[in-house]
Amino acid sequence: MGAFEIIGGKKLKGEIIPQGAKNEALQILCAVLLTPEKVVISNIPDIVDVNKLIDLLRDLGVKVEKTGFEEYTFQADNVNVDYLNSAEFKKKGGALRGSIMIVGPLLSRFGKGYIPKPGGDKIGRRRLDTHFIGFQKLGAKFIFDEANDFYKVEAGNLKGCYMLLDEASVTGTANILMAAVLAKGTTTIYNAACEPYIQQLCKMLNRMGAKISGIGSNLLIIEGVDYLKGTTHRMLPDMIEVGSFIGLAAMTQSEITIKNVHFDELGVIPSVFQRLGIKLERRGDDIYIPSQENYEIDTFIDGSILTISDAIWPGFTPDLLSIILVVATQAKGTALIHQKMFESRLFFVDKLIDMGAQIILCDPHRATVIGLNRQHQLKGISMTSPDIRAGVSLLIAALSANGKSTIHNIEQIDRGYQNIDTRLQKLGAQIVRK
């Protein structure tokens, strides 16, 4: 199990380019299964979860070729659906939560989609009901092998229908969408997720010949087609990395420019950080964060304590609440962090408390952060990364802390952040991989 050793308290400076979006990649890569023609995808992040999914596609018989820096071609003209019954598939598929999104395209094109119970972050319950209820509404038969934690959906012909999703699940919307594009008739998905990554998927599918309208809204209408062709696609920069770098700059009093962020796709992310008192400036498609000695948390109009909570898009993404919590520890003022979606995501705060942060964990979903206003610098400790986002939050805390910190289980960080140590070293960070 790897570790990072960090000497904190150093101001950083320079430019950094965010990687391609992890959450978009997991959807877009599965969409290549919908056509026998070649698909070219660029800006693919070189991270563990994405590389595992690419390996899984290879095992299914997809021809994969690396054609350039962060660019691949995929051709699914000889998919081996029998591989879904193999012991190797059950092992590999179960190690990656993103593998759930192969089910929709396989069901749509080949009439069957299987998946073992997927893994991923231990951040609370992450149910799959929305996916399978959607497939059933399209006419698929659902089979759950409880003894082996194995899910199956099968269908002779999928038929379009109206459905109201029980939750605006991003992966659920993507999966159902990919199943519906080759179904007979019209499918209407209401309460659909509308994140930029879903919009990207819709635009890619339309270029392939799908007929999807309502893109960017929570009401998607899909007219089924008989065939999808190949296409080229470039993924967005990762908005979670952009937010992480904004938080890093504030915590370490650093002057950093984040390049090529696709600012118009960031939604409320910049304004939420600004409510913590962080100065940032849009320069074209870059974000410039000046070095700040202090930053003060805003209050609501009536003077009450600011609450920052997650919400479905265009609300604030839950993946950045851990970063917001860490950044608030050195602000002036108090903030209530309300993590609505996952009940185990705030449990990493004990490490921050050990570092000297003043945090009250009210319950599994809420934490009150009393900012230290840099009167008391966090101190370096040894800790373990519990999940991707908490891991990077602890890394940011360590880079701002006084002394040496060690973060174990950095495989969790590597699942979502590409070469984070070498990229931060170029900004002046003292971080070593052990």
Protein backbone atom coordinates (compact mmCIF):
# COMPACT_ATOMS: atom_id res chain seq x y z
CA MET A 1 0.00 0.00 0.00
CA GLY A 2 1.56 3.29 -1.12
CA ALA A 3 1.93 6.52 0.78
CA PHE A 4 2.63 10.21 0.26
CA GLU A 5 5.08 12.02 2.49
CA ILE A 6 4.39 15.75 2.54
CA ILE A 7 6.27 18.67 4.07
CA GLY A 8 3.60 21.32 4.45
CA GLY A 9 3.48 25.04 4.98
CA LYS A 10 4.98 25.92 1.57
CA LYS A 11 3.44 28.47 -0.76
CA LEU A 12 2.96 27.14 -4.28
CA LYS A 13 3.01 29.03 -7.55
CA GLY A 14 2.41 28.37 -11.21
CA GLU A 15 -0.03 26.97 -13.74
CA ILE A 16 -1.81 23.65 -13.70
CA ILE A 17 -4.05 21.97 -16.28
CA PRO A 18 -6.96 19.87 -15.00
CA GLN A 19 -7.20 16.31 -16.27
CA GLY A 20 -10.09 14.98 -18.33
CA ALA A 21 -13.26 14.40 -16.34
CA LYS A 22 -13.31 11.07 -14.53
CA ASN A 23 -17.08 10.89 -14.20
CA GLU A 24 -17.58 11.70 -17.87
CA ALA A 25 -15.00 9.14 -18.92
CA LEU A 26 -16.79 6.27 -17.19
CA GLN A 27 -19.94 7.02 -19.24
CA ILE A 28 -18.33 7.88 -22.57
CA LEU A 29 -16.11 4.80 -22.63
CA CYS A 30 -19.11 2.50 -22.13
CA ALA A 31 -20.92 4.19 -25.03
CA VAL A 32 -18.39 2.74 -27.50
CA LEU A 33 -20.20 -0.59 -27.04
CA LEU A 34 -23.21 0.83 -28.92
CA THR A 35 -21.57 0.75 -32.36
CA PRO A 36 -19.37 -1.63 -34.37
CA GLU A 37 -17.64 1.40 -35.89
CA LYS A 38 -14.51 3.15 -34.64
CA VAL A 39 -14.84 5.79 -31.91
CA VAL A 40 -12.01 8.23 -31.12
CA ILE A 41 -11.94 9.73 -27.62
CA SER A 42 -9.44 12.32 -26.40
CA ASN A 43 -8.57 13.95 -23.06
CA ILE A 44 -8.96 10.60 -21.29
CA PRO A 45 -7.49 10.83 -17.77
CA ASP A 46 -4.73 8.36 -16.91
CA ILE A 47 -6.23 7.24 -13.61
CA VAL A 48 -6.82 3.84 -12.03
CA ASP A 49 -10.62 3.68 -12.39
CA VAL A 50 -10.55 4.70 -16.06
CA ASN A 51 -7.69 2.34 -16.91
CA LYS A 52 -9.57 -0.53 -15.25
CA LEU A 53 -12.61 0.20 -17.39
CA ILE A 54 -10.49 0.30 -20.57
CA ASP A 55 -9.03 -3.10 -19.60
CA LEU A 56 -12.55 -4.43 -19.06
CA LEU A 57 -13.57 -3.25 -22.54
CA ARG A 58 -10.52 -5.05 -23.98
CA ASP A 59 -11.56 -8.23 -22.19
CA LEU A 60 -15.01 -7.93 -23.77
CA GLY A 61 -13.37 -7.95 -27.19
CA VAL A 62 -13.27 -4.23 -27.92
CA LYS A 63 -10.26 -3.27 -30.03
CA VAL A 64 -8.42 -0.55 -28.11
CA GLU A 65 -5.53 1.47 -29.50
CA LYS A 66 -3.66 4.35 -27.85
CA THR A 67 -3.22 6.88 -30.66
CA GLY A 68 -1.77 9.87 -28.83
CA PHE A 69 -1.40 11.69 -25.54
CA GLU A 70 -4.60 10.88 -23.62
CA GLU A 71 -6.27 9.74 -26.87
CA TYR A 72 -7.59 6.27 -27.74
CA THR A 73 -9.60 4.61 -30.49
CA PHE A 74 -12.19 1.94 -29.66
CA GLN A 75 -13.95 -0.47 -32.01
CA ALA A 76 -16.57 -2.84 -30.63
CA ASP A 77 -17.15 -4.89 -33.80
CA ASN A 78 -16.48 -8.27 -32.20
CA VAL A 79 -17.81 -8.14 -28.65
CA ASN A 80 -17.70 -11.42 -26.72
CA VAL A 81 -20.85 -11.32 -24.60
CA ASP A 82 -20.06 -14.80 -23.25
CA TYR A 83 -17.25 -13.16 -21.27
CA LEU A 84 -19.98 -11.80 -18.96
CA ASN A 85 -20.41 -15.30 -17.50
CA SER A 86 -16.73 -15.79 -16.71
CA ALA A 87 -15.17 -15.80 -13.25
CA GLU A 88 -12.64 -13.24 -14.44
CA PHE A 89 -15.41 -10.79 -15.37
CA LYS A 90 -17.07 -11.23 -11.98
CA LYS A 91 -13.78 -10.37 -10.30
CA LYS A 92 -12.83 -7.42 -12.52
CA GLY A 93 -16.32 -5.95 -12.80
CA GLY A 94 -16.80 -6.11 -9.05
CA ALA A 95 -13.64 -4.06 -8.48
CA LEU A 96 -14.95 -0.98 -10.30
CA ARG A 97 -18.16 0.91 -9.65
CA GLY A 98 -18.13 2.45 -13.13
CA SER A 99 -18.55 -1.02 -14.63
CA ILE A 100 -22.30 -0.73 -13.99
CA MET A 101 -22.54 1.48 -17.09
CA ILE A 102 -21.64 -1.30 -19.51
CA VAL A 103 -25.05 -2.84 -18.79
CA GLY A 104 -27.18 -0.32 -20.70
CA PRO A 105 -25.27 -0.43 -23.99
CA LEU A 106 -24.83 -4.22 -23.86
CA LEU A 107 -28.55 -4.70 -23.18
CA SER A 108 -29.45 -2.29 -25.97
CA ARG A 109 -27.21 -3.80 -28.64
CA PHE A 110 -26.92 -7.46 -27.64
CA GLY A 111 -30.05 -8.11 -25.57
CA LYS A 112 -28.24 -8.89 -22.34
CA GLY A 113 -26.19 -7.07 -19.73
CA TYR A 114 -24.65 -8.62 -16.63
CA ILE A 115 -22.65 -7.12 -13.80
CA PRO A 116 -21.38 -8.24 -10.38
CA LYS A 117 -22.14 -5.99 -7.46
CA PRO A 118 -19.73 -3.12 -8.19
CA GLY A 119 -17.18 -1.71 -5.76
CA GLY A 120 -16.01 1.88 -5.39
CA ASP A 121 -15.78 4.37 -2.55
CA LYS A 122 -17.09 3.41 0.88
CA ILE A 123 -19.03 6.64 1.33
CA GLY A 124 -22.45 5.22 2.17
CA ARG A 125 -25.23 3.38 0.39
CA ARG A 126 -25.12 3.70 -3.39
CA ARG A 127 -28.10 1.77 -4.64
CA LEU A 128 -28.60 0.61 -8.21
CA ASP A 129 -32.40 0.40 -8.20
CA THR A 130 -32.81 3.37 -10.57
CA HIS A 131 -30.77 1.61 -13.27
CA PHE A 132 -32.66 -1.67 -13.18
CA ILE A 133 -36.13 -0.18 -12.75
CA GLY A 134 -35.42 1.87 -15.88
CA PHE A 135 -34.32 -1.22 -17.81
CA GLN A 136 -37.46 -3.06 -16.69
CA LYS A 137 -39.65 -0.21 -17.92
CA LEU A 138 -38.00 -0.57 -21.32
CA GLY A 139 -39.03 -4.23 -21.31
CA ALA A 140 -36.04 -6.03 -19.86
CA LYS A 141 -36.25 -8.91 -17.42
CA PHE A 142 -34.25 -8.38 -14.23
CA ILE A 143 -32.61 -11.28 -12.40
CA PHE A 144 -30.64 -10.88 -9.15
CA ASP A 145 -28.48 -13.77 -8.01
CA GLU A 146 -28.32 -12.83 -4.34
CA ALA A 147 -25.98 -15.67 -3.40
CA ASN A 148 -23.30 -14.41 -5.82
CA ASP A 149 -24.19 -10.68 -5.81
CA PHE A 150 -24.70 -10.87 -9.57
CA TYR A 151 -27.17 -8.75 -11.56
CA LYS A 152 -28.62 -9.68 -14.96
CA VAL A 153 -30.96 -7.93 -17.40
CA GLU A 154 -32.14 -9.55 -20.61
CA ALA A 155 -34.50 -8.49 -23.38
CA GLY A 156 -35.48 -9.64 -26.85
CA ASN A 157 -36.57 -6.15 -27.88
CA LEU A 158 -36.51 -2.96 -25.85
CA LYS A 159 -39.48 -0.66 -26.33
CA GLY A 160 -39.60 3.06 -25.63
CA CYS A 161 -41.80 4.29 -22.80
CA TYR A 162 -42.36 7.12 -20.36
CA MET A 163 -40.54 6.89 -17.05
CA LEU A 164 -40.20 9.12 -14.01
CA LEU A 165 -36.91 8.30 -12.29
CA ASP A 166 -37.11 7.80 -8.54
CA GLU A 167 -33.91 9.84 -8.20
CA ALA A 168 -31.94 12.04 -10.58
CA SER A 169 -29.05 9.57 -10.65
CA VAL A 170 -26.22 10.56 -13.01
CA THR A 171 -25.07 7.01 -13.70
CA GLY A 172 -28.67 5.78 -13.75
CA THR A 173 -29.64 8.41 -16.33
CA ALA A 174 -26.58 7.59 -18.46
CA ASN A 175 -27.24 3.85 -18.34
CA ILE A 176 -30.94 4.11 -19.20
CA LEU A 177 -30.15 6.64 -21.91
CA MET A 178 -27.69 4.27 -23.57
CA ALA A 179 -30.25 1.46 -23.42
CA ALA A 180 -32.99 3.66 -24.90
CA VAL A 181 -31.15 4.98 -27.97
CA LEU A 182 -31.55 1.66 -29.83
CA ALA A 183 -35.00 0.80 -28.40
CA LYS A 184 -38.08 0.80 -30.61
CA GLY A 185 -40.20 3.93 -30.33
CA THR A 186 -39.88 6.97 -28.09
CA THR A 187 -38.54 7.02 -24.53
CA THR A 188 -39.21 9.94 -22.22
CA ILE A 189 -37.06 10.21 -19.10
CA TYR A 190 -38.34 12.69 -16.52
CA ASN A 191 -36.31 13.66 -13.44
CA ALA A 192 -33.22 12.87 -15.49
CA ALA A 193 -29.82 14.07 -14.28
CA CYS A 194 -28.59 17.00 -16.37
CA GLU A 195 -24.93 17.37 -15.33
CA PRO A 196 -22.51 18.56 -18.02
CA TYR A 197 -21.27 14.96 -18.26
CA ILE A 198 -24.77 13.76 -19.21
CA GLN A 199 -24.97 16.59 -21.72
CA GLN A 200 -21.65 15.47 -23.18
CA LEU A 201 -22.91 11.90 -23.48
CA CYS A 202 -26.10 13.07 -25.21
CA LYS A 203 -24.15 15.19 -27.70
CA MET A 204 -21.80 12.30 -28.46
CA LEU A 205 -24.71 9.89 -29.02
CA ASN A 206 -26.43 12.40 -31.30
CA ARG A 207 -23.26 12.66 -33.39
CA MET A 208 -23.41 8.86 -33.63
CA GLY A 209 -26.93 9.09 -35.05
CA ALA A 210 -29.13 9.03 -31.94
CA LYS A 211 -32.11 11.36 -31.64
CA ILE A 212 -32.06 12.90 -28.18
CA SER A 213 -33.76 16.18 -27.30
CA GLY A 214 -34.07 18.12 -24.07
CA ILE A 215 -30.31 18.10 -23.49
CA GLY A 216 -29.43 20.17 -20.42
CA SER A 217 -32.87 19.73 -18.84
CA ASN A 218 -34.35 17.07 -16.58
CA LEU A 219 -36.71 15.89 -19.34
CA LEU A 220 -34.98 13.84 -22.04
CA ILE A 221 -36.82 12.51 -25.09
CA ILE A 222 -35.14 9.73 -27.07
CA GLU A 223 -36.42 8.53 -30.43
CA GLY A 224 -34.99 5.08 -30.94
CA VAL A 225 -32.85 4.38 -34.00
CA ASP A 226 -31.70 1.13 -35.61
CA TYR A 227 -27.97 1.85 -35.83
CA LEU A 228 -25.29 4.10 -34.40
CA LYS A 229 -22.11 5.01 -36.22
CA GLY A 230 -18.63 5.96 -35.05
CA THR A 231 -17.61 9.44 -33.95
CA THR A 232 -14.91 11.52 -32.28
CA HIS A 233 -15.30 13.02 -28.82
CA ARG A 234 -13.22 15.18 -26.49
CA MET A 235 -13.96 15.09 -22.80
CA LEU A 236 -14.39 18.11 -20.56
CA PRO A 237 -11.81 19.03 -17.92
CA ASP A 238 -12.61 17.55 -14.53
CA MET A 239 -14.65 20.07 -12.53
CA ILE A 240 -13.73 18.26 -9.30
CA GLU A 241 -10.05 18.81 -10.00
CA VAL A 242 -10.74 22.47 -10.78
CA GLY A 243 -12.49 22.88 -7.41
CA SER A 244 -9.73 20.94 -5.65
CA PHE A 245 -7.08 23.29 -7.06
CA ILE A 246 -9.07 26.37 -6.01
CA GLY A 247 -9.19 24.99 -2.47
CA LEU A 248 -5.49 24.08 -2.56
CA ALA A 249 -4.54 27.61 -3.57
CA ALA A 250 -6.57 29.16 -0.75
CA MET A 251 -5.30 26.79 1.95
CA THR A 252 -1.64 27.18 1.02
CA GLN A 253 -1.80 30.96 0.30
CA SER A 254 -0.64 30.20 -3.22
CA GLU A 255 -0.87 32.04 -6.52
CA ILE A 256 -2.13 29.50 -9.03
CA THR A 257 -3.65 29.69 -12.50
CA ILE A 258 -5.88 26.78 -13.49
CA LYS A 259 -5.79 26.50 -17.27
CA ASN A 260 -8.53 25.60 -19.75
CA VAL A 261 -11.28 24.97 -17.21
CA HIS A 262 -14.35 25.31 -19.52
CA PHE A 263 -15.62 27.94 -17.10
CA ASP A 264 -19.18 27.96 -18.43
CA GLU A 265 -19.54 24.27 -17.52
CA LEU A 266 -18.55 24.78 -13.86
CA GLY A 267 -21.97 25.93 -12.68
CA VAL A 268 -21.99 27.29 -9.12
CA ILE A 269 -18.56 25.88 -8.19
CA PRO A 270 -16.65 29.20 -8.46
CA SER A 271 -19.33 31.16 -6.59
CA VAL A 272 -19.45 28.64 -3.71
CA PHE A 273 -15.70 29.05 -3.17
CA GLN A 274 -16.16 32.81 -3.37
CA ARG A 275 -18.68 32.59 -0.52
CA LEU A 276 -15.84 31.21 1.60
CA GLY A 277 -14.01 34.47 0.87
CA ILE A 278 -11.69 33.06 -1.77
CA LYS A 279 -10.70 35.52 -4.46
CA LEU A 280 -10.64 34.14 -7.98
CA GLU A 281 -10.70 35.74 -11.38
CA ARG A 282 -11.81 34.43 -14.74
CA ARG A 283 -9.20 35.12 -17.42
CA GLY A 284 -10.57 33.84 -20.71
CA ASP A 285 -11.07 30.15 -20.01
CA ASP A 286 -8.60 30.11 -17.10
CA ILE A 287 -9.12 30.73 -13.38
CA TYR A 288 -6.52 32.87 -11.59
CA ILE A 289 -6.34 32.60 -7.79
CA PRO A 290 -4.08 35.19 -6.11
CA SER A 291 -2.17 34.51 -2.91
CA GLN A 292 -4.44 35.36 0.03
CA GLU A 293 -3.30 35.75 3.61
CA ASN A 294 -6.86 35.50 4.92
CA TYR A 295 -10.33 34.72 3.63
CA GLU A 296 -13.63 35.22 5.44
CA ILE A 297 -16.73 33.04 5.21
CA ASP A 298 -19.86 34.87 4.11
CA THR A 299 -23.13 34.70 6.04
CA PHE A 300 -26.72 34.61 4.88
CA ILE A 301 -28.47 37.97 4.48
CA ASP A 302 -29.93 37.79 8.00
CA GLY A 303 -26.48 37.15 9.47
CA SER A 304 -27.02 33.45 10.16
CA ILE A 305 -24.28 30.87 9.65
CA LEU A 306 -23.61 29.93 6.03
CA THR A 307 -24.72 26.43 5.10
CA ILE A 308 -23.07 24.75 2.12
CA SER A 309 -24.86 21.63 0.94
CA ASP A 310 -24.81 19.34 -2.05
CA ALA A 311 -27.63 19.06 -4.57
CA ILE A 312 -28.40 17.61 -7.96
CA TRP A 313 -27.14 19.70 -10.88
CA PRO A 314 -27.16 22.64 -11.25
CA GLY A 315 -26.67 22.57 -7.48
CA PHE A 316 -23.29 22.07 -5.84
CA THR A 317 -21.65 18.73 -6.56
CA PRO A 318 -21.26 16.39 -3.54
CA ASP A 319 -17.75 15.46 -4.72
CA LEU A 320 -16.45 18.88 -3.62
CA LEU A 321 -17.98 19.10 -0.16
CA SER A 322 -14.93 17.41 1.39
CA ILE A 323 -12.73 20.10 -0.20
CA ILE A 324 -15.02 22.88 1.03
CA LEU A 325 -14.88 21.46 4.55
CA VAL A 326 -11.07 21.44 4.59
CA VAL A 327 -10.81 24.95 3.16
CA ALA A 328 -13.21 26.28 5.80
CA THR A 329 -10.88 25.13 8.59
CA GLN A 330 -8.48 28.03 7.94
CA ALA A 331 -11.09 30.65 7.05
CA LYS A 332 -12.39 33.39 9.32
CA GLY A 333 -15.90 32.50 10.41
CA THR A 334 -18.10 29.43 10.70
CA ALA A 335 -19.82 27.21 8.15
CA LEU A 336 -22.22 24.29 8.34
CA ILE A 337 -21.37 21.58 5.79
CA HIS A 338 -24.41 19.45 4.92
CA GLN A 339 -23.67 16.28 2.94
CA LYS A 340 -27.13 15.05 1.98
CA MET A 341 -26.40 12.25 -0.44
CA PHE A 342 -23.92 9.97 1.35
CA GLU A 343 -23.99 9.19 5.04
CA SER A 344 -20.35 8.11 5.42
CA ARG A 345 -18.56 10.84 3.53
CA LEU A 346 -17.80 13.12 6.48
CA PHE A 347 -16.20 10.48 8.64
CA PHE A 348 -12.69 11.59 7.63
CA VAL A 349 -13.00 14.72 9.81
CA ASP A 350 -11.39 12.93 12.75
CA LYS A 351 -8.06 13.23 10.91
CA LEU A 352 -8.56 16.98 10.50
CA ILE A 353 -9.42 17.30 14.18
CA ASP A 354 -6.17 15.46 15.00
CA MET A 355 -4.39 18.07 12.85
CA GLY A 356 -5.87 20.84 15.00
CA ALA A 357 -9.02 21.78 13.07
CA GLN A 358 -12.10 22.87 15.02
CA ILE A 359 -14.93 20.74 13.66
CA ILE A 360 -18.08 19.44 15.28
CA LEU A 361 -19.49 16.36 13.55
CA CYS A 362 -23.16 16.90 14.26
CA ASP A 363 -24.34 13.65 12.67
CA PRO A 364 -23.35 11.51 9.66
CA HIS A 365 -24.54 14.22 7.27
CA ARG A 366 -23.56 17.52 8.92
CA ALA A 367 -20.39 19.08 10.27
CA THR A 368 -19.88 22.55 11.72
CA VAL A 369 -16.48 24.05 10.92
CA ILE A 370 -15.15 26.88 13.10
CA GLY A 371 -12.47 28.58 11.04
CA LEU A 372 -9.08 29.16 12.65
CA ASN A 373 -8.34 32.23 10.48
CA ARG A 374 -4.71 30.98 10.35
CA GLN A 375 -4.26 31.78 14.04
CA HIS A 376 -3.38 28.12 14.57
CA GLN A 377 -1.76 26.28 11.67
CA LEU A 378 -2.72 22.66 11.15
CA LYS A 379 -0.01 20.22 12.19
CA GLY A 380 1.29 17.29 10.18
CA ILE A 381 0.22 13.78 11.20
CA SER A 382 0.08 10.26 9.80
CA MET A 383 -3.32 9.33 8.33
CA THR A 384 -5.08 7.03 5.87
CA SER A 385 -7.17 8.00 2.84
CA PRO A 386 -10.67 6.47 3.09
CA ASP A 387 -11.91 7.46 -0.39
CA ILE A 388 -10.94 9.53 -3.44
CA ARG A 389 -12.29 12.93 -2.40
CA ALA A 390 -11.44 12.66 1.29
CA GLY A 391 -7.95 11.58 0.26
CA VAL A 392 -7.35 14.73 -1.78
CA SER A 393 -8.89 16.84 1.00
CA LEU A 394 -6.38 15.37 3.44
CA LEU A 395 -3.62 16.01 0.90
CA ILE A 396 -4.63 19.69 0.73
CA ALA A 397 -4.69 19.85 4.53
CA ALA A 398 -1.22 18.27 4.68
CA LEU A 399 0.21 20.73 2.15
CA SER A 400 -1.00 23.61 4.33
CA ALA A 401 0.06 22.05 7.64
CA ASN A 402 3.17 22.69 9.68
CA GLY A 403 5.65 19.82 9.51
CA LYS A 404 5.55 16.37 7.96
CA SER A 405 2.41 14.41 7.10
CA THR A 406 2.10 10.87 5.77
CA ILE A 407 -0.99 9.75 3.87
CA HIS A 408 -1.42 6.00 3.48
CA ASN A 409 -3.69 4.11 1.07
CA ILE A 410 -3.02 6.63 -1.71
CA GLU A 411 -4.35 4.09 -4.19
CA GLN A 412 -7.69 5.71 -3.39
CA ILE A 413 -6.36 9.10 -4.55
CA ASP A 414 -4.82 7.54 -7.68
CA ARG A 415 -8.27 6.22 -8.62
CA GLY A 416 -9.40 9.75 -9.38
CA TYR A 417 -6.38 12.07 -9.71
CA GLN A 418 -3.78 11.70 -12.45
CA ASN A 419 -0.13 11.89 -11.33
CA ILE A 420 -1.18 14.31 -8.60
CA ASP A 421 2.21 14.19 -6.87
CA THR A 422 4.32 15.11 -9.92
CA ARG A 423 1.87 17.80 -11.02
CA LEU A 424 1.93 19.44 -7.59
CA GLN A 425 5.73 19.17 -7.44
CA LYS A 426 5.86 21.44 -10.48
CA LEU A 427 4.03 24.07 -8.40
CA GLY A 428 6.65 23.74 -5.65
CA ALA A 429 4.95 21.20 -3.38
CA GLN A 430 7.19 18.98 -1.26
CA ILE A 431 5.49 15.64 -1.81
CA VAL A 432 7.14 12.25 -2.28
CA ARG A 433 5.52 8.96 -3.23
CA LYS A 434 6.70 6.03 -1.09
